[in-house]
C-alpha atoms as a PDB file:
ATOM      1  CA  MET A   1       6.285  13.610 -12.549  1.00  0.00           C
ATOM      2  CA  LYS A   2       3.263  10.726 -12.350  1.00  0.00           C
ATOM      3  CA  ALA A   3       4.179   7.109 -12.432  1.00  0.00           C
ATOM      4  CA  VAL A   4       0.816   6.197 -13.089  1.00  0.00           C
ATOM      5  CA  GLU A   5      -2.115   7.799 -14.420  1.00  0.00           C
ATOM      6  CA  THR A   6      -5.689   6.555 -15.418  1.00  0.00           C
ATOM      7  CA  LYS A   7      -8.635   7.634 -16.812  1.00  0.00           C
ATOM      8  CA  ASP A   8     -11.811   5.746 -16.419  1.00  0.00           C
ATOM      9  CA  LEU A   9     -10.055   2.396 -16.999  1.00  0.00           C
ATOM     10  CA  THR A  10     -12.516  -0.154 -16.945  1.00  0.00           C
ATOM     11  CA  LYS A  11     -11.946  -3.931 -17.592  1.00  0.00           C
ATOM     12  CA  ILE A  12     -14.578  -6.348 -18.095  1.00  0.00           C
ATOM     13  CA  TYR A  13     -14.251 -10.074 -18.107  1.00  0.00           C
ATOM     14  CA  SER A  14     -16.490 -12.325 -20.412  1.00  0.00           C
ATOM     15  CA  SER A  15     -17.145 -16.538 -20.422  1.00  0.00           C
ATOM     16  CA  SER A  16     -16.533 -18.498 -23.349  1.00  0.00           C
ATOM     17  CA  PHE A  17     -19.596 -17.832 -25.055  1.00  0.00           C
ATOM     18  CA  GLY A  18     -19.878 -14.352 -23.520  1.00  0.00           C
ATOM     19  CA  LYS A  19     -23.397 -14.539 -21.408  1.00  0.00           C
ATOM     20  CA  LYS A  20     -21.795 -13.453 -18.033  1.00  0.00           C
ATOM     21  CA  LYS A  21     -19.965 -10.865 -17.678  1.00  0.00           C
ATOM     22  CA  VAL A  22     -17.477 -10.142 -14.514  1.00  0.00           C
ATOM     23  CA  GLN A  23     -16.332  -6.181 -14.040  1.00  0.00           C
ATOM     24  CA  ALA A  24     -13.259  -6.786 -12.810  1.00  0.00           C
ATOM     25  CA  LEU A  25     -12.697  -2.761 -12.906  1.00  0.00           C
ATOM     26  CA  VAL A  26     -14.927  -0.005 -13.130  1.00  0.00           C
ATOM     27  CA  GLU A  27     -13.986   3.292 -14.542  1.00  0.00           C
ATOM     28  CA  LEU A  28     -10.812   3.487 -12.129  1.00  0.00           C
ATOM     29  CA  ASN A  29      -8.968   7.181 -11.762  1.00  0.00           C
ATOM     30  CA  LEU A  30      -5.884   7.423  -9.899  1.00  0.00           C
ATOM     31  CA  ASP A  31      -2.550   9.329 -10.105  1.00  0.00           C
ATOM     32  CA  VAL A  32       0.191   8.254  -8.409  1.00  0.00           C
ATOM     33  CA  GLU A  33       3.310  10.428  -7.814  1.00  0.00           C
ATOM     34  CA  SER A  34       6.907   9.322  -8.741  1.00  0.00           C
ATOM     35  CA  GLY A  35       9.378   8.532  -5.756  1.00  0.00           C
ATOM     36  CA  LEU A  36       6.134   7.112  -3.436  1.00  0.00           C
ATOM     37  CA  ILE A  37       5.680   4.086  -1.962  1.00  0.00           C
ATOM     38  CA  PHE A  38       1.944   3.818  -3.378  1.00  0.00           C
ATOM     39  CA  GLY A  39      -0.387   0.993  -1.291  1.00  0.00           C
ATOM     40  CA  LEU A  40      -3.709  -0.495  -3.176  1.00  0.00           C
ATOM     41  CA  LEU A  41      -5.838  -2.611  -0.804  1.00  0.00           C
ATOM     42  CA  GLY A  42      -8.753  -4.667  -0.878  1.00  0.00           C
ATOM     43  CA  PRO A  43      -9.991  -8.135  -0.092  1.00  0.00           C
ATOM     44  CA  ASN A  44      -9.219 -11.517  -2.736  1.00  0.00           C
ATOM     45  CA  GLY A  45     -11.187 -10.582  -6.048  1.00  0.00           C
ATOM     46  CA  ALA A  46     -11.116  -6.369  -5.458  1.00  0.00           C
ATOM     47  CA  GLY A  47      -9.394  -6.068  -9.087  1.00  0.00           C
ATOM     48  CA  LYS A  48      -5.801  -5.115  -7.305  1.00  0.00           C
ATOM     49  CA  THR A  49      -3.800  -7.882  -9.978  1.00  0.00           C
ATOM     50  CA  THR A  50      -6.172  -7.204 -12.498  1.00  0.00           C
ATOM     51  CA  PHE A  51      -4.746  -3.321 -12.580  1.00  0.00           C
ATOM     52  CA  ILE A  52      -1.235  -4.112 -12.294  1.00  0.00           C
ATOM     53  CA  LYS A  53      -1.868  -6.593 -15.234  1.00  0.00           C
ATOM     54  CA  LEU A  54      -3.614  -3.928 -17.271  1.00  0.00           C
ATOM     55  CA  LEU A  55      -0.402  -1.645 -16.460  1.00  0.00           C
ATOM     56  CA  LEU A  56       1.977  -3.993 -17.398  1.00  0.00           C
ATOM     57  CA  GLY A  57       0.316  -4.842 -20.818  1.00  0.00           C
ATOM     58  CA  ILE A  58      -0.128  -8.545 -19.609  1.00  0.00           C
ATOM     59  CA  THR A  59      -3.894  -7.676 -20.625  1.00  0.00           C
ATOM     60  CA  PHE A  60      -6.142  -4.889 -22.180  1.00  0.00           C
ATOM     61  CA  PRO A  61      -8.523  -2.666 -21.094  1.00  0.00           C
ATOM     62  CA  THR A  62     -12.177  -2.495 -22.037  1.00  0.00           C
ATOM     63  CA  ALA A  63     -12.268   1.329 -21.798  1.00  0.00           C
ATOM     64  CA  GLY A  64     -10.614   3.953 -20.252  1.00  0.00           C
ATOM     65  CA  ASN A  65      -6.516   4.708 -21.297  1.00  0.00           C
ATOM     66  CA  ALA A  66      -3.785   4.953 -18.985  1.00  0.00           C
ATOM     67  CA  LYS A  67      -0.182   5.701 -18.473  1.00  0.00           C
ATOM     68  CA  ILE A  68       3.024   4.724 -17.315  1.00  0.00           C
ATOM     69  CA  LEU A  69       5.690   7.371 -16.360  1.00  0.00           C
ATOM     70  CA  GLU A  70       3.729   9.407 -18.318  1.00  0.00           C
ATOM     71  CA  GLU A  71       4.035   6.855 -21.702  1.00  0.00           C
ATOM     72  CA  SER A  72       1.537   5.366 -23.057  1.00  0.00           C
ATOM     73  CA  LEU A  73       1.081   1.928 -22.331  1.00  0.00           C
ATOM     74  CA  SER A  74       1.193   1.206 -26.081  1.00  0.00           C
ATOM     75  CA  ASN A  75       5.139   2.729 -25.453  1.00  0.00           C
ATOM     76  CA  TYR A  76       6.799  -0.824 -25.177  1.00  0.00           C
ATOM     77  CA  SER A  77      10.166   0.724 -24.398  1.00  0.00           C
ATOM     78  CA  VAL A  78       9.056   2.687 -21.103  1.00  0.00           C
ATOM     79  CA  LYS A  79       8.652  -1.236 -19.685  1.00  0.00           C
ATOM     80  CA  LYS A  80      12.445  -0.980 -19.266  1.00  0.00           C
ATOM     81  CA  LYS A  81      11.907   1.361 -16.958  1.00  0.00           C
ATOM     82  CA  ILE A  82       9.465  -1.245 -14.829  1.00  0.00           C
ATOM     83  CA  GLY A  83      10.631  -4.181 -12.423  1.00  0.00           C
ATOM     84  CA  TYR A  84       7.532  -6.570 -11.302  1.00  0.00           C
ATOM     85  CA  LEU A  85       7.242  -9.388  -8.739  1.00  0.00           C
ATOM     86  CA  PRO A  86       4.046 -11.294  -9.235  1.00  0.00           C
ATOM     87  CA  GLU A  87       2.405 -12.775  -6.504  1.00  0.00           C
ATOM     88  CA  ASN A  88       3.649 -16.736  -5.867  1.00  0.00           C
ATOM     89  CA  HIS A  89       6.226 -16.463  -7.698  1.00  0.00           C
ATOM     90  CA  LYS A  90       8.290 -19.617  -8.811  1.00  0.00           C
ATOM     91  CA  TYR A  91      11.386 -20.335 -10.196  1.00  0.00           C
ATOM     92  CA  PRO A  92      12.699 -23.750 -11.263  1.00  0.00           C
ATOM     93  CA  PRO A  93      14.381 -25.781  -8.273  1.00  0.00           C
ATOM     94  CA  TYR A  94      17.085 -27.265  -9.945  1.00  0.00           C
ATOM     95  CA  LEU A  95      18.657 -23.335 -10.327  1.00  0.00           C
ATOM     96  CA  LYS A  96      20.804 -21.924  -8.003  1.00  0.00           C
ATOM     97  CA  GLY A  97      19.847 -17.977  -6.528  1.00  0.00           C
ATOM     98  CA  GLY A  98      22.608 -16.153  -8.593  1.00  0.00           C
ATOM     99  CA  GLU A  99      21.306 -18.310 -11.840  1.00  0.00           C
ATOM    100  CA  VAL A 100      18.080 -17.075 -11.173  1.00  0.00           C
ATOM    101  CA  LEU A 101      19.116 -13.825 -11.294  1.00  0.00           C
ATOM    102  CA  LYS A 102      21.205 -13.817 -14.254  1.00  0.00           C
ATOM    103  CA  PHE A 103      18.537 -15.589 -16.411  1.00  0.00           C
ATOM    104  CA  PHE A 104      16.361 -12.257 -15.660  1.00  0.00           C
ATOM    105  CA  GLY A 105      19.108 -10.439 -16.255  1.00  0.00           C
ATOM    106  CA  LYS A 106      19.768 -11.429 -19.583  1.00  0.00           C
ATOM    107  CA  LEU A 107      16.308 -11.630 -20.285  1.00  0.00           C
ATOM    108  CA  SER A 108      16.608  -7.464 -19.578  1.00  0.00           C
ATOM    109  CA  GLY A 109      19.656  -6.957 -22.402  1.00  0.00           C
ATOM    110  CA  MET A 110      22.416  -7.022 -19.839  1.00  0.00           C
ATOM    111  CA  ASN A 111      25.713  -9.467 -19.992  1.00  0.00           C
ATOM    112  CA  GLY A 112      28.947  -9.825 -18.662  1.00  0.00           C
ATOM    113  CA  LEU A 113      30.572  -8.045 -15.839  1.00  0.00           C
ATOM    114  CA  ASP A 114      27.884  -5.645 -15.401  1.00  0.00           C
ATOM    115  CA  LEU A 115      25.619  -8.322 -14.604  1.00  0.00           C
ATOM    116  CA  ASP A 116      27.606 -10.588 -12.246  1.00  0.00           C
ATOM    117  CA  LYS A 117      28.384  -7.110 -10.335  1.00  0.00           C
ATOM    118  CA  LYS A 118      24.627  -6.215 -10.327  1.00  0.00           C
ATOM    119  CA  ILE A 119      23.934  -9.671  -9.112  1.00  0.00           C
ATOM    120  CA  ASP A 120      26.180  -9.707  -5.791  1.00  0.00           C
ATOM    121  CA  GLU A 121      24.916  -5.722  -5.443  1.00  0.00           C
ATOM    122  CA  LEU A 122      21.190  -7.128  -5.228  1.00  0.00           C
ATOM    123  CA  LEU A 123      22.143 -10.359  -3.272  1.00  0.00           C
ATOM    124  CA  GLU A 124      23.804  -8.319  -0.672  1.00  0.00           C
ATOM    125  CA  LEU A 125      20.476  -5.962  -0.443  1.00  0.00           C
ATOM    126  CA  VAL A 126      18.145  -8.719   0.256  1.00  0.00           C
ATOM    127  CA  LYS A 127      20.382 -10.315   2.780  1.00  0.00           C
ATOM    128  CA  LEU A 128      21.299 -13.839   0.415  1.00  0.00           C
ATOM    129  CA  SER A 129      24.978 -13.167  -0.864  1.00  0.00           C
ATOM    130  CA  GLN A 130      25.679 -16.445   1.321  1.00  0.00           C
ATOM    131  CA  TRP A 131      22.588 -18.438  -0.813  1.00  0.00           C
ATOM    132  CA  LYS A 132      23.983 -17.259  -4.073  1.00  0.00           C
ATOM    133  CA  LYS A 133      25.139 -21.056  -5.086  1.00  0.00           C
ATOM    134  CA  THR A 134      22.446 -22.810  -3.281  1.00  0.00           C
ATOM    135  CA  LYS A 135      19.558 -24.220  -5.016  1.00  0.00           C
ATOM    136  CA  VAL A 136      16.245 -22.358  -5.141  1.00  0.00           C
ATOM    137  CA  LYS A 137      14.436 -25.673  -3.695  1.00  0.00           C
ATOM    138  CA  ALA A 138      16.466 -25.215  -0.694  1.00  0.00           C
ATOM    139  CA  TYR A 139      15.249 -21.530   0.243  1.00  0.00           C
ATOM    140  CA  SER A 140      12.482 -20.910   3.117  1.00  0.00           C
ATOM    141  CA  LYS A 141       9.028 -18.697   1.895  1.00  0.00           C
ATOM    142  CA  GLY A 142      10.641 -15.615   2.871  1.00  0.00           C
ATOM    143  CA  MET A 143      14.067 -16.479   1.099  1.00  0.00           C
ATOM    144  CA  MET A 144      12.142 -16.981  -1.903  1.00  0.00           C
ATOM    145  CA  GLN A 145      10.051 -13.517  -1.540  1.00  0.00           C
ATOM    146  CA  ARG A 146      13.670 -11.859  -1.138  1.00  0.00           C
ATOM    147  CA  LEU A 147      14.828 -13.504  -3.820  1.00  0.00           C
ATOM    148  CA  GLY A 148      11.860 -12.504  -6.142  1.00  0.00           C
ATOM    149  CA  LEU A 149      12.288  -8.551  -5.234  1.00  0.00           C
ATOM    150  CA  ALA A 150      16.191  -8.887  -6.077  1.00  0.00           C
ATOM    151  CA  GLN A 151      14.943 -10.519  -9.417  1.00  0.00           C
ATOM    152  CA  ALA A 152      11.822  -7.123 -10.078  1.00  0.00           C
ATOM    153  CA  LEU A 153      15.201  -5.115  -9.220  1.00  0.00           C
ATOM    154  CA  ILE A 154      17.262  -6.764 -11.748  1.00  0.00           C
ATOM    155  CA  ASN A 155      16.993  -4.024 -14.912  1.00  0.00           C
ATOM    156  CA  ASP A 156      17.649  -0.730 -11.734  1.00  0.00           C
ATOM    157  CA  PRO A 157      13.401   0.170 -12.961  1.00  0.00           C
ATOM    158  CA  GLU A 158      12.373   3.512 -12.104  1.00  0.00           C
ATOM    159  CA  LEU A 159       8.931   1.608 -10.961  1.00  0.00           C
ATOM    160  CA  ILE A 160       8.484  -1.473  -9.250  1.00  0.00           C
ATOM    161  CA  PHE A 161       5.889  -3.455  -9.113  1.00  0.00           C
ATOM    162  CA  LEU A 162       4.846  -5.706  -5.897  1.00  0.00           C
ATOM    163  CA  ASP A 163       2.023  -7.911  -5.853  1.00  0.00           C
ATOM    164  CA  GLU A 164       1.631  -9.599  -1.879  1.00  0.00           C
ATOM    165  CA  PRO A 165       5.855  -9.493  -1.519  1.00  0.00           C
ATOM    166  CA  THR A 166       5.034 -10.409   2.166  1.00  0.00           C
ATOM    167  CA  ASP A 167       2.811 -12.757   2.035  1.00  0.00           C
ATOM    168  CA  GLY A 168       3.627 -16.319   4.249  1.00  0.00           C
ATOM    169  CA  VAL A 169       6.347 -14.306   5.130  1.00  0.00           C
ATOM    170  CA  ASP A 170       7.496 -14.570   9.171  1.00  0.00           C
ATOM    171  CA  PRO A 171       7.565 -11.060  11.038  1.00  0.00           C
ATOM    172  CA  ILE A 172      10.949 -10.531  10.738  1.00  0.00           C
ATOM    173  CA  GLY A 173      11.156 -11.438   6.969  1.00  0.00           C
ATOM    174  CA  ARG A 174       8.501  -8.892   6.510  1.00  0.00           C
ATOM    175  CA  LYS A 175      10.454  -6.146   8.748  1.00  0.00           C
ATOM    176  CA  GLU A 176      13.494  -7.285   6.320  1.00  0.00           C
ATOM    177  CA  ILE A 177      11.373  -6.625   3.249  1.00  0.00           C
ATOM    178  CA  ARG A 178      10.254  -3.461   4.591  1.00  0.00           C
ATOM    179  CA  ASP A 179      13.628  -1.930   5.170  1.00  0.00           C
ATOM    180  CA  ILE A 180      14.053  -2.916   1.597  1.00  0.00           C
ATOM    181  CA  LEU A 181      11.684  -1.128   0.471  1.00  0.00           C
ATOM    182  CA  VAL A 182      12.448   2.167   2.207  1.00  0.00           C
ATOM    183  CA  GLU A 183      15.662   1.934   1.171  1.00  0.00           C
ATOM    184  CA  LEU A 184      14.781   1.702  -2.536  1.00  0.00           C
ATOM    185  CA  LYS A 185      12.259   4.989  -1.594  1.00  0.00           C
ATOM    186  CA  SER A 186      15.639   6.623  -0.948  1.00  0.00           C
ATOM    187  CA  ARG A 187      17.247   6.139  -4.001  1.00  0.00           C
ATOM    188  CA  GLN A 188      13.993   8.044  -5.295  1.00  0.00           C
ATOM    189  CA  LYS A 189      12.320   4.312  -6.727  1.00  0.00           C
ATOM    190  CA  THR A 190       8.789   4.393  -7.211  1.00  0.00           C
ATOM    191  CA  ILE A 191       6.702   1.391  -5.380  1.00  0.00           C
ATOM    192  CA  PHE A 192       3.371   0.236  -6.363  1.00  0.00           C
ATOM    193  CA  LEU A 193       2.304  -2.115  -3.509  1.00  0.00           C
ATOM    194  CA  ASN A 194      -0.370  -4.751  -3.755  1.00  0.00           C
ATOM    195  CA  SER A 195      -1.442  -6.031  -0.068  1.00  0.00           C
ATOM    196  CA  HIS A 196      -4.015  -6.985   2.014  1.00  0.00           C
ATOM    197  CA  LEU A 197      -1.774  -6.874   5.344  1.00  0.00           C
ATOM    198  CA  LEU A 198      -3.005  -3.574   6.337  1.00  0.00           C
ATOM    199  CA  SER A 199      -0.585  -3.584   9.160  1.00  0.00           C
ATOM    200  CA  GLU A 200       2.393  -3.797   7.182  1.00  0.00           C
ATOM    201  CA  VAL A 201       1.099  -0.888   4.403  1.00  0.00           C
ATOM    202  CA  GLU A 202       0.108   0.988   7.305  1.00  0.00           C
ATOM    203  CA  LEU A 203       4.243   1.175   8.445  1.00  0.00           C
ATOM    204  CA  ILE A 204       5.171   2.596   5.250  1.00  0.00           C
ATOM    205  CA  THR A 205       2.944   3.609   2.152  1.00  0.00           C
ATOM    206  CA  ASP A 206       3.034   7.373   1.705  1.00  0.00           C
ATOM    207  CA  ARG A 207      -0.539   6.886   0.326  1.00  0.00           C
ATOM    208  CA  VAL A 208      -2.867   4.261   0.051  1.00  0.00           C
ATOM    209  CA  GLY A 209      -5.803   3.216  -2.104  1.00  0.00           C
ATOM    210  CA  ILE A 210      -8.760   0.942  -1.355  1.00  0.00           C
ATOM    211  CA  LEU A 211     -10.262  -1.021  -3.603  1.00  0.00           C
ATOM    212  CA  ASN A 212     -13.519  -3.303  -3.982  1.00  0.00           C
ATOM    213  CA  LYS A 213     -15.554  -4.803  -6.681  1.00  0.00           C
ATOM    214  CA  GLY A 214     -13.299  -3.034  -9.284  1.00  0.00           C
ATOM    215  CA  LYS A 215     -14.278   0.054  -7.894  1.00  0.00           C
ATOM    216  CA  LEU A 216     -11.788   2.690  -5.963  1.00  0.00           C
ATOM    217  CA  LEU A 217     -13.589   3.606  -2.702  1.00  0.00           C
ATOM    218  CA  ARG A 218     -10.793   6.078  -0.994  1.00  0.00           C
ATOM    219  CA  GLU A 219      -7.400   7.276  -1.595  1.00  0.00           C
ATOM    220  CA  GLY A 220      -5.295   9.428   0.449  1.00  0.00           C
ATOM    221  CA  THR A 221      -2.363   9.618   2.794  1.00  0.00           C
ATOM    222  CA  VAL A 222      -2.820   6.987   5.969  1.00  0.00           C
ATOM    223  CA  LYS A 223      -3.428   9.889   8.086  1.00  0.00           C
ATOM    224  CA  GLU A 224      -6.164  11.200   6.367  1.00  0.00           C
ATOM    225  CA  LEU A 225      -7.859   7.677   5.748  1.00  0.00           C
ATOM    226  CA  THR A 226      -7.830   7.309   9.233  1.00  0.00           C
ATOM    227  CA  GLU A 227      -8.531  10.376  10.667  1.00  0.00           C
ATOM    228  CA  LYS A 228     -11.804  10.915  12.826  1.00  0.00           C
ATOM    229  CA  LYS A 229     -13.226  13.973  11.463  1.00  0.00           C
ATOM    230  CA  GLU A 230     -14.038  16.101  14.366  1.00  0.00           C
ATOM    231  CA  GLU A 231     -13.157  13.952  17.349  1.00  0.00           C
ATOM    232  CA  TYR A 232     -10.480  14.611  19.885  1.00  0.00           C
ATOM    233  CA  LYS A 233      -8.999  13.025  22.729  1.00  0.00           C
ATOM    234  CA  ILE A 234      -8.710  15.735  25.515  1.00  0.00           C
ATOM    235  CA  VAL A 235      -6.648  14.500  28.893  1.00  0.00           C
ATOM    236  CA  ILE A 236      -6.493  16.424  31.941  1.00  0.00           C
ATOM    237  CA  GLU A 237      -4.825  17.228  34.767  1.00  0.00           C
ATOM    238  CA  GLY A 238      -6.301  17.117  38.362  1.00  0.00           C
ATOM    239  CA  ASN A 239      -9.702  15.949  39.585  1.00  0.00           C
ATOM    240  CA  ALA A 240     -12.131  14.854  36.537  1.00  0.00           C
ATOM    241  CA  ALA A 241     -14.705  15.386  39.285  1.00  0.00           C
ATOM    242  CA  ASP A 242     -14.830  18.843  38.321  1.00  0.00           C
ATOM    243  CA  LEU A 243     -16.338  18.041  35.223  1.00  0.00           C
ATOM    244  CA  ASP A 244     -19.618  16.666  36.323  1.00  0.00           C
ATOM    245  CA  SER A 245     -20.647  19.924  37.189  1.00  0.00           C
ATOM    246  CA  ILE A 246     -20.496  21.522  33.208  1.00  0.00           C
ATOM    247  CA  SER A 247     -23.109  21.172  31.020  1.00  0.00           C
ATOM    248  CA  PHE A 248     -21.276  20.633  27.652  1.00  0.00           C
ATOM    249  CA  ASP A 249     -23.062  21.146  24.329  1.00  0.00           C
ATOM    250  CA  ASN A 250     -21.519  18.321  22.472  1.00  0.00           C
ATOM    251  CA  SER A 251     -20.618  14.355  23.211  1.00  0.00           C
ATOM    252  CA  PHE A 252     -18.357  14.711  25.672  1.00  0.00           C
ATOM    253  CA  THR A 253     -17.362  10.688  26.738  1.00  0.00           C
ATOM    254  CA  ARG A 254     -14.832   9.687  29.354  1.00  0.00           C
ATOM    255  CA  ILE A 255     -12.312   7.119  27.764  1.00  0.00           C
ATOM    256  CA  SER A 256     -10.274   6.532  31.070  1.00  0.00           C
ATOM    257  CA  ASP A 257      -9.237   8.927  34.299  1.00  0.00           C
ATOM    258  CA  GLY A 258      -8.284  11.877  32.884  1.00  0.00           C
ATOM    259  CA  SER A 259      -8.865  11.001  29.310  1.00  0.00           C
ATOM    260  CA  TYR A 260     -11.840  11.963  27.364  1.00  0.00           C
ATOM    261  CA  SER A 261     -13.274  12.247  23.964  1.00  0.00           C
ATOM    262  CA  VAL A 262     -15.459  15.253  22.376  1.00  0.00           C
ATOM    263  CA  LYS A 263     -16.986  14.841  19.246  1.00  0.00           C
ATOM    264  CA  VAL A 264     -17.517  18.565  18.075  1.00  0.00           C
ATOM    265  CA  ALA A 265     -19.248  20.138  14.897  1.00  0.00           C
ATOM    266  CA  ASP A 266     -15.983  22.328  13.612  1.00  0.00           C
ATOM    267  CA  ILE A 267     -12.868  23.986  15.050  1.00  0.00           C
ATOM    268  CA  ASN A 268     -15.122  26.874  16.524  1.00  0.00           C
ATOM    269  CA  GLU A 269     -16.891  24.340  18.861  1.00  0.00           C
ATOM    270  CA  LEU A 270     -13.742  22.756  20.170  1.00  0.00           C
ATOM    271  CA  ASN A 271     -12.422  26.120  20.794  1.00  0.00           C
ATOM    272  CA  LYS A 272     -15.692  26.737  22.744  1.00  0.00           C
ATOM    273  CA  THR A 273     -15.239  23.362  24.612  1.00  0.00           C
ATOM    274  CA  ILE A 274     -11.738  24.263  25.984  1.00  0.00           C
ATOM    275  CA  ASP A 275     -12.611  28.004  26.700  1.00  0.00           C
ATOM    276  CA  GLN A 276     -15.414  26.093  29.259  1.00  0.00           C
ATOM    277  CA  LEU A 277     -12.966  23.996  30.858  1.00  0.00           C
ATOM    278  CA  ARG A 278      -9.973  26.265  31.199  1.00  0.00           C
ATOM    279  CA  SER A 279     -12.721  28.766  32.892  1.00  0.00           C
ATOM    280  CA  ARG A 280     -13.276  26.108  35.295  1.00  0.00           C
ATOM    281  CA  SER A 281      -9.780  26.155  36.150  1.00  0.00           C
ATOM    282  CA  ILE A 282      -9.509  22.859  34.566  1.00  0.00           C
ATOM    283  CA  LEU A 283      -5.944  21.990  33.455  1.00  0.00           C
ATOM    284  CA  LEU A 284      -5.564  20.630  29.947  1.00  0.00           C
ATOM    285  CA  LYS A 285      -2.572  18.040  29.102  1.00  0.00           C
ATOM    286  CA  GLU A 286      -3.229  17.287  25.547  1.00  0.00           C
ATOM    287  CA  ILE A 287      -5.680  17.659  22.890  1.00  0.00           C
ATOM    288  CA  ILE A 288      -5.500  14.929  20.239  1.00  0.00           C
ATOM    289  CA  PRO A 289      -7.175  14.341  16.909  1.00  0.00           C
ATOM    290  CA  MET A 290      -8.593  10.797  17.102  1.00  0.00           C
ATOM    291  CA  LYS A 291      -8.111   8.319  14.740  1.00  0.00           C
ATOM    292  CA  ASN A 292      -9.003   4.807  13.679  1.00  0.00           C
ATOM    293  CA  THR A 293      -6.485   2.374  12.629  1.00  0.00           C
ATOM    294  CA  LEU A 294      -5.878   1.470   9.152  1.00  0.00           C
ATOM    295  CA  GLU A 295      -7.931  -1.941   9.590  1.00  0.00           C
ATOM    296  CA  GLU A 296     -10.647  -0.753  11.063  1.00  0.00           C
ATOM    297  CA  MET A 297     -11.281   2.278   8.360  1.00  0.00           C
ATOM    298  CA  PHE A 298     -11.054  -0.566   5.884  1.00  0.00           C
ATOM    299  CA  ILE A 299     -13.127  -2.791   7.261  1.00  0.00           C
ATOM    300  CA  SER A 300     -15.730  -0.302   7.944  1.00  0.00           C
ATOM    301  CA  LEU A 301     -15.613   1.476   4.111  1.00  0.00           C
ATOM    302  CA  ILE A 302     -16.017  -2.218   2.815  1.00  0.00           C
ATOM    303  CA  THR A 303     -18.669  -3.258   4.890  1.00  0.00           C
ATOM    304  CA  GLU A 304     -20.449  -0.253   3.427  1.00  0.00           C
ATOM    305  CA  SER A 305     -19.613  -0.842  -0.196  1.00  0.00           C
ATOM    306  CA  GLU A 306     -20.930  -4.465   0.263  1.00  0.00           C
ATOM    307  CA  LYS A 307     -24.589  -2.774   1.699  1.00  0.00           C
ATOM    308  CA  ASN A 308     -24.649  -0.416  -0.973  1.00  0.00           C
ATOM    309  CA  ILE A 309     -23.887  -3.007  -3.956  1.00  0.00           C
ATOM    310  CA  LYS A 310     -27.194  -5.397  -2.235  1.00  0.00           C
END
């Protein structure tokens, strides 16, 4: 089942007089399967928040269409299955943590003992049980983010949209939120995560999309996006000087004592290189596909797309 499905989704904002137009999204095509943690990455102004607002029906597309949980966006009943945590969310400072969740629970149609039980369960999940009767004006940034996450879960949604859920949170708080998201995934929830914290996304997402200037540049698993095509790290056993007598047909670069990177055209050329090494009785300890970090790939991809725009 597809949790999110878009076809040529486009959003163009116009000025009050219609003279200046901004393309927030450009013919975006994306499928997100249910039960995954999907991360949408991009710099400020990439169109990430606009995309979520379109999917939630907060704003409307200029062209194209989309489905949520295989239902048209025009089917408002599907919103009962959605949870949403906006960026920079705020709650009335005079409300207590439990009261915030009760307010949103009632907006979702919940009441009575069922709502009270759900509030206690969620506060336990986000580790705020002891703060239930404390006014939110006393909450730290991390506590506010965890309360916001509980609010997004109050209606037990199938699909959860989180816009920068760890922004401004300290490392311990980010770890706690990551653990909660992994727990939610184990409960078969689908999580759509907007973030610019690449290291966070790299740790927990199943698939990632890179967005810039409203265009989806790349989409896939973290491994698919970061793996360097046909470049390998080779670690040998013994005297590295033995390599000096070998004339290689490809790029063979020393990384450190006993470690080398090799660039090959294809898997056949890699095997030829291995045969050359073995023919000289050089023992191989490891052959590892090399990869970038997600951050390195992201910066390279964004930089290249900016050049193309210019």
